[in-house]
C-alpha atoms as a PDB file:
ATOM      1  CA  UNK A   1     106.379 127.210  79.448  1.00  0.00           C
ATOM      2  CA  UNK A   2     108.007 125.248  82.295  1.00  0.00           C
ATOM      3  CA  UNK A   3     105.194 122.685  82.153  1.00  0.00           C
ATOM      4  CA  UNK A   4     105.693 122.183  78.415  1.00  0.00           C
ATOM      5  CA  UNK A   5     109.450 121.807  78.881  1.00  0.00           C
ATOM      6  CA  UNK A   6     108.941 119.276  81.675  1.00  0.00           C
ATOM      7  CA  UNK A   7     106.542 117.247  79.499  1.00  0.00           C
ATOM      8  CA  UNK A   8     109.064 117.333  76.668  1.00  0.00           C
ATOM      9  CA  UNK A   9     111.852 116.015  78.886  1.00  0.00           C
ATOM     10  CA  UNK A  10     109.655 113.617  80.870  1.00  0.00           C
ATOM     11  CA  UNK A  11     106.699 112.758  78.612  1.00  0.00           C
ATOM     12  CA  UNK A  12     103.609 111.315  80.280  1.00  0.00           C
ATOM     13  CA  UNK A  13     102.509 107.915  79.047  1.00  0.00           C
ATOM     14  CA  UNK A  14      99.118 106.217  79.049  1.00  0.00           C
ATOM     15  CA  UNK A  15      98.552 103.726  81.864  1.00  0.00           C
ATOM     16  CA  UNK A  16      96.535 101.551  79.507  1.00  0.00           C
ATOM     17  CA  UNK A  17      98.756 101.258  76.421  1.00  0.00           C
ATOM     18  CA  UNK A  18     102.060 103.013  77.283  1.00  0.00           C
ATOM     19  CA  UNK A  19     101.567 105.440  74.395  1.00  0.00           C
ATOM     20  CA  UNK A  20     102.469 109.104  74.811  1.00  0.00           C
ATOM     21  CA  UNK A  21      99.703 111.275  76.248  1.00  0.00           C
ATOM     22  CA  UNK A  22      98.688 114.525  74.610  1.00  0.00           C
ATOM     23  CA  UNK A  23      98.793 117.661  76.774  1.00  0.00           C
ATOM     24  CA  UNK A  24      94.992 117.508  76.983  1.00  0.00           C
ATOM     25  CA  UNK A  25      95.029 113.890  78.213  1.00  0.00           C
ATOM     26  CA  UNK A  26      95.688 112.535  81.695  1.00  0.00           C
ATOM     27  CA  UNK A  27      96.208 109.062  83.217  1.00  0.00           C
ATOM     28  CA  UNK A  28      94.902 107.181  80.152  1.00  0.00           C
ATOM     29  CA  UNK A  29      94.644 108.260  76.529  1.00  0.00           C
ATOM     30  CA  UNK A  30      91.358 109.018  74.788  1.00  0.00           C
ATOM     31  CA  UNK A  31      91.522 105.778  72.792  1.00  0.00           C
ATOM     32  CA  UNK A  32      91.922 103.668  75.935  1.00  0.00           C
ATOM     33  CA  UNK A  33      89.056 105.492  77.641  1.00  0.00           C
ATOM     34  CA  UNK A  34      86.818 104.548  74.719  1.00  0.00           C
ATOM     35  CA  UNK A  35      88.057 100.950  74.762  1.00  0.00           C
ATOM     36  CA  UNK A  36      87.702 100.290  78.492  1.00  0.00           C
ATOM     37  CA  UNK A  37      85.983  96.878  78.951  1.00  0.00           C
ATOM     38  CA  UNK A  38      83.054  97.995  81.112  1.00  0.00           C
ATOM     39  CA  UNK A  39      81.094  95.210  82.813  1.00  0.00           C
ATOM     40  CA  UNK A  40      77.896  97.263  83.224  1.00  0.00           C
ATOM     41  CA  UNK A  41      77.269  95.238  86.390  1.00  0.00           C
ATOM     42  CA  UNK A  42      75.596  98.244  87.988  1.00  0.00           C
ATOM     43  CA  UNK A  43      72.712  97.797  85.535  1.00  0.00           C
ATOM     44  CA  UNK A  44      72.102  94.164  86.532  1.00  0.00           C
ATOM     45  CA  UNK A  45      71.634  93.259  90.190  1.00  0.00           C
ATOM     46  CA  UNK A  46      72.111  89.534  89.437  1.00  0.00           C
ATOM     47  CA  UNK A  47      75.493  90.029  87.790  1.00  0.00           C
ATOM     48  CA  UNK A  48      78.456  87.605  87.844  1.00  0.00           C
ATOM     49  CA  UNK A  49      80.146  89.332  90.788  1.00  0.00           C
ATOM     50  CA  UNK A  50      76.983  89.108  92.883  1.00  0.00           C
ATOM     51  CA  UNK A  51      76.495  85.454  91.874  1.00  0.00           C
ATOM     52  CA  UNK A  52      80.050  84.608  92.932  1.00  0.00           C
ATOM     53  CA  UNK A  53      78.967  85.092  96.553  1.00  0.00           C
ATOM     54  CA  UNK A  54      75.816  82.955  96.373  1.00  0.00           C
ATOM     55  CA  UNK A  55      75.774  80.754  99.473  1.00  0.00           C
ATOM     56  CA  UNK A  56      78.954  82.389 100.773  1.00  0.00           C
ATOM     57  CA  UNK A  57      78.049  85.869 101.963  1.00  0.00           C
ATOM     58  CA  UNK A  58      74.720  87.738 102.278  1.00  0.00           C
ATOM     59  CA  UNK A  59      75.119  90.951 100.284  1.00  0.00           C
ATOM     60  CA  UNK A  60      72.943  93.923  99.392  1.00  0.00           C
ATOM     61  CA  UNK A  61      74.868  94.503  96.146  1.00  0.00           C
ATOM     62  CA  UNK A  62      78.050  93.327  94.425  1.00  0.00           C
ATOM     63  CA  UNK A  63      79.611  94.541  91.189  1.00  0.00           C
ATOM     64  CA  UNK A  64      82.855  95.223  89.347  1.00  0.00           C
ATOM     65  CA  UNK A  65      83.603  98.193  87.093  1.00  0.00           C
ATOM     66  CA  UNK A  66      85.840  96.663  84.393  1.00  0.00           C
ATOM     67  CA  UNK A  67      86.780  93.240  83.028  1.00  0.00           C
ATOM     68  CA  UNK A  68      90.347  92.143  83.765  1.00  0.00           C
ATOM     69  CA  UNK A  69      91.877  90.086  80.936  1.00  0.00           C
ATOM     70  CA  UNK A  70      95.397  88.641  80.950  1.00  0.00           C
ATOM     71  CA  UNK A  71      97.762  90.946  79.023  1.00  0.00           C
ATOM     72  CA  UNK A  72      94.907  93.420  78.577  1.00  0.00           C
ATOM     73  CA  UNK A  73      94.539  97.132  79.218  1.00  0.00           C
ATOM     74  CA  UNK A  74      93.078  96.729  82.706  1.00  0.00           C
ATOM     75  CA  UNK A  75      95.895  94.418  83.783  1.00  0.00           C
ATOM     76  CA  UNK A  76      98.355  97.105  82.694  1.00  0.00           C
ATOM     77  CA  UNK A  77      96.448  99.783  84.615  1.00  0.00           C
ATOM     78  CA  UNK A  78      96.266  97.714  87.798  1.00  0.00           C
ATOM     79  CA  UNK A  79      99.955  96.789  87.517  1.00  0.00           C
ATOM     80  CA  UNK A  80     100.906 100.454  87.227  1.00  0.00           C
ATOM     81  CA  UNK A  81      98.652 101.292  90.161  1.00  0.00           C
ATOM     82  CA  UNK A  82     100.095  98.605  92.434  1.00  0.00           C
ATOM     83  CA  UNK A  83     103.749  98.500  91.478  1.00  0.00           C
ATOM     84  CA  UNK A  84     104.600 101.800  89.751  1.00  0.00           C
ATOM     85  CA  UNK A  85     102.958 104.166  92.243  1.00  0.00           C
ATOM     86  CA  UNK A  86     100.409 105.395  89.688  1.00  0.00           C
ATOM     87  CA  UNK A  87      97.714 106.100  92.288  1.00  0.00           C
ATOM     88  CA  UNK A  88      95.965 108.443  89.872  1.00  0.00           C
ATOM     89  CA  UNK A  89      94.697 105.302  88.112  1.00  0.00           C
ATOM     90  CA  UNK A  90      92.622 104.401  91.161  1.00  0.00           C
ATOM     91  CA  UNK A  91      91.342 107.937  91.511  1.00  0.00           C
ATOM     92  CA  UNK A  92      90.259 108.094  87.859  1.00  0.00           C
ATOM     93  CA  UNK A  93      88.421 104.773  88.070  1.00  0.00           C
ATOM     94  CA  UNK A  94      86.709 105.885  91.271  1.00  0.00           C
ATOM     95  CA  UNK A  95      85.582 109.159  89.722  1.00  0.00           C
ATOM     96  CA  UNK A  96      84.218 107.405  86.641  1.00  0.00           C
ATOM     97  CA  UNK A  97      82.493 104.588  88.515  1.00  0.00           C
ATOM     98  CA  UNK A  98      80.895 106.874  91.103  1.00  0.00           C
ATOM     99  CA  UNK A  99      78.675 108.222  88.333  1.00  0.00           C
ATOM    100  CA  UNK A 100      77.455 104.672  87.603  1.00  0.00           C
ATOM    101  CA  UNK A 101      76.886 103.763  91.237  1.00  0.00           C
ATOM    102  CA  UNK A 102      74.734 106.834  91.869  1.00  0.00           C
ATOM    103  CA  UNK A 103      72.000 105.003  89.946  1.00  0.00           C
ATOM    104  CA  UNK A 104      72.095 101.823  92.082  1.00  0.00           C
ATOM    105  CA  UNK A 105      69.140 101.820  94.465  1.00  0.00           C
ATOM    106  CA  UNK A 106      70.687  99.181  96.749  1.00  0.00           C
ATOM    107  CA  UNK A 107      73.589 101.526  97.509  1.00  0.00           C
ATOM    108  CA  UNK A 108      71.556 104.617  98.409  1.00  0.00           C
ATOM    109  CA  UNK A 109      71.804 103.936 102.158  1.00  0.00           C
ATOM    110  CA  UNK A 110      75.527 103.086 102.216  1.00  0.00           C
ATOM    111  CA  UNK A 111      77.153 104.866 105.153  1.00  0.00           C
ATOM    112  CA  UNK A 112      80.822 103.894 104.876  1.00  0.00           C
ATOM    113  CA  UNK A 113      83.226 102.892 102.127  1.00  0.00           C
ATOM    114  CA  UNK A 114      85.715 100.338 103.471  1.00  0.00           C
ATOM    115  CA  UNK A 115      88.913  99.345 101.645  1.00  0.00           C
ATOM    116  CA  UNK A 116      90.249  95.809 101.913  1.00  0.00           C
ATOM    117  CA  UNK A 117      93.154  96.497 104.291  1.00  0.00           C
ATOM    118  CA  UNK A 118      96.806  95.597 103.821  1.00  0.00           C
ATOM    119  CA  UNK A 119      98.969  94.050 106.517  1.00  0.00           C
ATOM    120  CA  UNK A 120     101.149  96.770 108.112  1.00  0.00           C
ATOM    121  CA  UNK A 121     104.332  95.049 106.865  1.00  0.00           C
ATOM    122  CA  UNK A 122     103.160  95.067 103.258  1.00  0.00           C
ATOM    123  CA  UNK A 123     101.838  98.605 103.595  1.00  0.00           C
ATOM    124  CA  UNK A 124     105.269  99.764 104.734  1.00  0.00           C
ATOM    125  CA  UNK A 125     106.899  97.992 101.791  1.00  0.00           C
ATOM    126  CA  UNK A 126     104.591  99.460  99.139  1.00  0.00           C
ATOM    127  CA  UNK A 127     103.961 102.763 100.860  1.00  0.00           C
ATOM    128  CA  UNK A 128     100.247 102.901 100.075  1.00  0.00           C
ATOM    129  CA  UNK A 129      97.118 100.780  99.727  1.00  0.00           C
ATOM    130  CA  UNK A 130      96.279 100.553  96.028  1.00  0.00           C
ATOM    131  CA  UNK A 131      92.542 100.933  96.637  1.00  0.00           C
ATOM    132  CA  UNK A 132      92.788 104.077  98.782  1.00  0.00           C
ATOM    133  CA  UNK A 133      92.395 106.628  95.990  1.00  0.00           C
ATOM    134  CA  UNK A 134      89.666 104.543  94.326  1.00  0.00           C
ATOM    135  CA  UNK A 135      87.769 104.494  97.620  1.00  0.00           C
ATOM    136  CA  UNK A 136      88.244 108.167  98.363  1.00  0.00           C
ATOM    137  CA  UNK A 137      87.036 109.110  94.884  1.00  0.00           C
ATOM    138  CA  UNK A 138      83.954 106.913  95.321  1.00  0.00           C
ATOM    139  CA  UNK A 139      83.298 108.448  98.739  1.00  0.00           C
ATOM    140  CA  UNK A 140      83.583 111.949  97.324  1.00  0.00           C
ATOM    141  CA  UNK A 141      81.407 111.194  94.312  1.00  0.00           C
ATOM    142  CA  UNK A 142      78.715 109.402  96.308  1.00  0.00           C
ATOM    143  CA  UNK A 143      78.823 111.637  99.376  1.00  0.00           C
ATOM    144  CA  UNK A 144      79.777 108.786 101.724  1.00  0.00           C
ATOM    145  CA  UNK A 145      82.244 108.370 104.583  1.00  0.00           C
ATOM    146  CA  UNK A 146      85.619 106.789 103.764  1.00  0.00           C
ATOM    147  CA  UNK A 147      86.565 104.545 106.690  1.00  0.00           C
ATOM    148  CA  UNK A 148      89.877 102.661 106.756  1.00  0.00           C
ATOM    149  CA  UNK A 149      90.008 102.157 110.531  1.00  0.00           C
ATOM    150  CA  UNK A 150      87.247  99.643 111.123  1.00  0.00           C
ATOM    151  CA  UNK A 151      88.810  96.682 109.290  1.00  0.00           C
ATOM    152  CA  UNK A 152      92.404  95.501 109.809  1.00  0.00           C
ATOM    153  CA  UNK A 153      94.561  92.723 108.411  1.00  0.00           C
ATOM    154  CA  UNK A 154      96.274  90.871 111.245  1.00  0.00           C
ATOM    155  CA  UNK A 155      98.002  88.100 109.259  1.00  0.00           C
ATOM    156  CA  UNK A 156     100.514  88.656 106.459  1.00  0.00           C
ATOM    157  CA  UNK A 157      99.425  86.415 103.562  1.00  0.00           C
ATOM    158  CA  UNK A 158     100.720  85.653 100.077  1.00  0.00           C
ATOM    159  CA  UNK A 159      99.547  87.639  97.086  1.00  0.00           C
ATOM    160  CA  UNK A 160      96.410  86.276  95.427  1.00  0.00           C
ATOM    161  CA  UNK A 161      98.293  85.138  92.313  1.00  0.00           C
ATOM    162  CA  UNK A 162     100.596  82.858  94.338  1.00  0.00           C
ATOM    163  CA  UNK A 163      98.118  81.290  96.718  1.00  0.00           C
ATOM    164  CA  UNK A 164      97.660  77.541  97.005  1.00  0.00           C
ATOM    165  CA  UNK A 165      94.550  76.008  98.527  1.00  0.00           C
ATOM    166  CA  UNK A 166      95.970  76.047 102.065  1.00  0.00           C
ATOM    167  CA  UNK A 167      96.879  79.725 101.799  1.00  0.00           C
ATOM    168  CA  UNK A 168      93.430  80.558 100.476  1.00  0.00           C
ATOM    169  CA  UNK A 169      91.903  78.797 103.457  1.00  0.00           C
ATOM    170  CA  UNK A 170      94.182  80.778 105.790  1.00  0.00           C
ATOM    171  CA  UNK A 171      92.875  84.095 104.438  1.00  0.00           C
ATOM    172  CA  UNK A 172      89.568  83.363 106.170  1.00  0.00           C
ATOM    173  CA  UNK A 173      91.165  84.253 109.517  1.00  0.00           C
ATOM    174  CA  UNK A 174      93.464  87.027 108.328  1.00  0.00           C
ATOM    175  CA  UNK A 175      91.218  89.991 109.171  1.00  0.00           C
ATOM    176  CA  UNK A 176      89.700  91.586 112.245  1.00  0.00           C
ATOM    177  CA  UNK A 177      87.045  94.235 112.818  1.00  0.00           C
ATOM    178  CA  UNK A 178      87.240  97.119 115.304  1.00  0.00           C
ATOM    179  CA  UNK A 179      83.842  98.581 116.066  1.00  0.00           C
ATOM    180  CA  UNK A 180      81.843 100.437 118.676  1.00  0.00           C
ATOM    181  CA  UNK A 181      78.131 100.622 119.371  1.00  0.00           C
ATOM    182  CA  UNK A 182      77.957 103.640 117.056  1.00  0.00           C
ATOM    183  CA  UNK A 183      78.827 101.383 114.101  1.00  0.00           C
ATOM    184  CA  UNK A 184      75.730  99.225 114.575  1.00  0.00           C
ATOM    185  CA  UNK A 185      73.172  99.209 111.776  1.00  0.00           C
ATOM    186  CA  UNK A 186      75.493 100.702 109.177  1.00  0.00           C
ATOM    187  CA  UNK A 187      75.743  99.737 105.512  1.00  0.00           C
ATOM    188  CA  UNK A 188      79.356  99.107 104.517  1.00  0.00           C
ATOM    189  CA  UNK A 189      80.536  99.239 100.909  1.00  0.00           C
ATOM    190  CA  UNK A 190      83.626  97.022 100.790  1.00  0.00           C
ATOM    191  CA  UNK A 191      86.041  97.786  97.940  1.00  0.00           C
ATOM    192  CA  UNK A 192      89.040  96.056  96.338  1.00  0.00           C
ATOM    193  CA  UNK A 193      91.043  96.186  93.119  1.00  0.00           C
ATOM    194  CA  UNK A 194      90.407  92.872  91.307  1.00  0.00           C
ATOM    195  CA  UNK A 195      88.049  90.068  92.267  1.00  0.00           C
ATOM    196  CA  UNK A 196      89.345  86.587  91.460  1.00  0.00           C
ATOM    197  CA  UNK A 197      88.212  83.814  93.815  1.00  0.00           C
ATOM    198  CA  UNK A 198      86.413  86.238  96.112  1.00  0.00           C
ATOM    199  CA  UNK A 199      88.045  84.674  99.202  1.00  0.00           C
ATOM    200  CA  UNK A 200      89.539  87.920 100.501  1.00  0.00           C
ATOM    201  CA  UNK A 201      86.317  89.868 100.091  1.00  0.00           C
ATOM    202  CA  UNK A 202      84.347  87.050 101.701  1.00  0.00           C
ATOM    203  CA  UNK A 203      86.655  87.056 104.729  1.00  0.00           C
ATOM    204  CA  UNK A 204      86.390  90.836 105.083  1.00  0.00           C
ATOM    205  CA  UNK A 205      82.636  90.780 104.621  1.00  0.00           C
ATOM    206  CA  UNK A 206      82.216  88.170 107.353  1.00  0.00           C
ATOM    207  CA  UNK A 207      84.125  90.375 109.777  1.00  0.00           C
ATOM    208  CA  UNK A 208      81.961  93.403 108.979  1.00  0.00           C
ATOM    209  CA  UNK A 209      78.797  91.349 109.457  1.00  0.00           C
ATOM    210  CA  UNK A 210      79.851  90.691 113.065  1.00  0.00           C
ATOM    211  CA  UNK A 211      78.726  94.262 113.738  1.00  0.00           C
ATOM    212  CA  UNK A 212      75.102  94.222 114.987  1.00  0.00           C
ATOM    213  CA  UNK A 213      72.640  95.144 112.240  1.00  0.00           C
ATOM    214  CA  UNK A 214      75.361  95.661 109.636  1.00  0.00           C
ATOM    215  CA  UNK A 215      74.775  95.320 105.897  1.00  0.00           C
ATOM    216  CA  UNK A 216      77.532  94.747 103.350  1.00  0.00           C
ATOM    217  CA  UNK A 217      77.924  95.495  99.648  1.00  0.00           C
ATOM    218  CA  UNK A 218      80.957  94.963  97.417  1.00  0.00           C
ATOM    219  CA  UNK A 219      82.437  96.983  94.548  1.00  0.00           C
ATOM    220  CA  UNK A 220      85.754  96.287  92.822  1.00  0.00           C
ATOM    221  CA  UNK A 221      87.721  98.008  90.094  1.00  0.00           C
ATOM    222  CA  UNK A 222      87.780  94.856  87.996  1.00  0.00           C
ATOM    223  CA  UNK A 223      86.534  91.292  87.570  1.00  0.00           C
ATOM    224  CA  UNK A 224      89.124  88.709  86.491  1.00  0.00           C
ATOM    225  CA  UNK A 225      87.986  86.420  83.690  1.00  0.00           C
END
């Protein structure tokens, strides 16, 4: 009764289309779930995300879950996740994509899921890292360790959408890795929200590969076209 009254006064809307959600729906409506632009990268090892890092970073696997189109559904979902505190978007995408990634042989020996970190100043401003819930849902679904302590961002940089060439070059030195001997030989699955140039992920991956015997894979929520 109280739940129905609350929903009547404060109706839940879809994070993909802004339409009203039915009581049986959550986060995104049924229509948007059916229309999600899946990349199916997990079915093709030589996919466009993996190819983006050719000659840049040695990876075991790289893939994105959805295609990100300007003014599209995924852009709306990511915007709500990052700027409207809709962290349930990340959790839903992580839960859905974990089922896909269970079939990827190259990820069977992953030990840790590592989020691209935010600078402490930006983290204080936003209040959360937008990939945290995505990563935790992947970790839970895949039975892996979620580790946000090993990689840190030491330089506050501009957002990806506003970067010029000089700023993109600066990102290469924006991260640092904290590791002990116990971290040697581990397989790290590095995660982020949207892959554009790949510069941030490359910088993070290079830091992780400083750990003796480390292997790195990459998974993102979306791939920007």
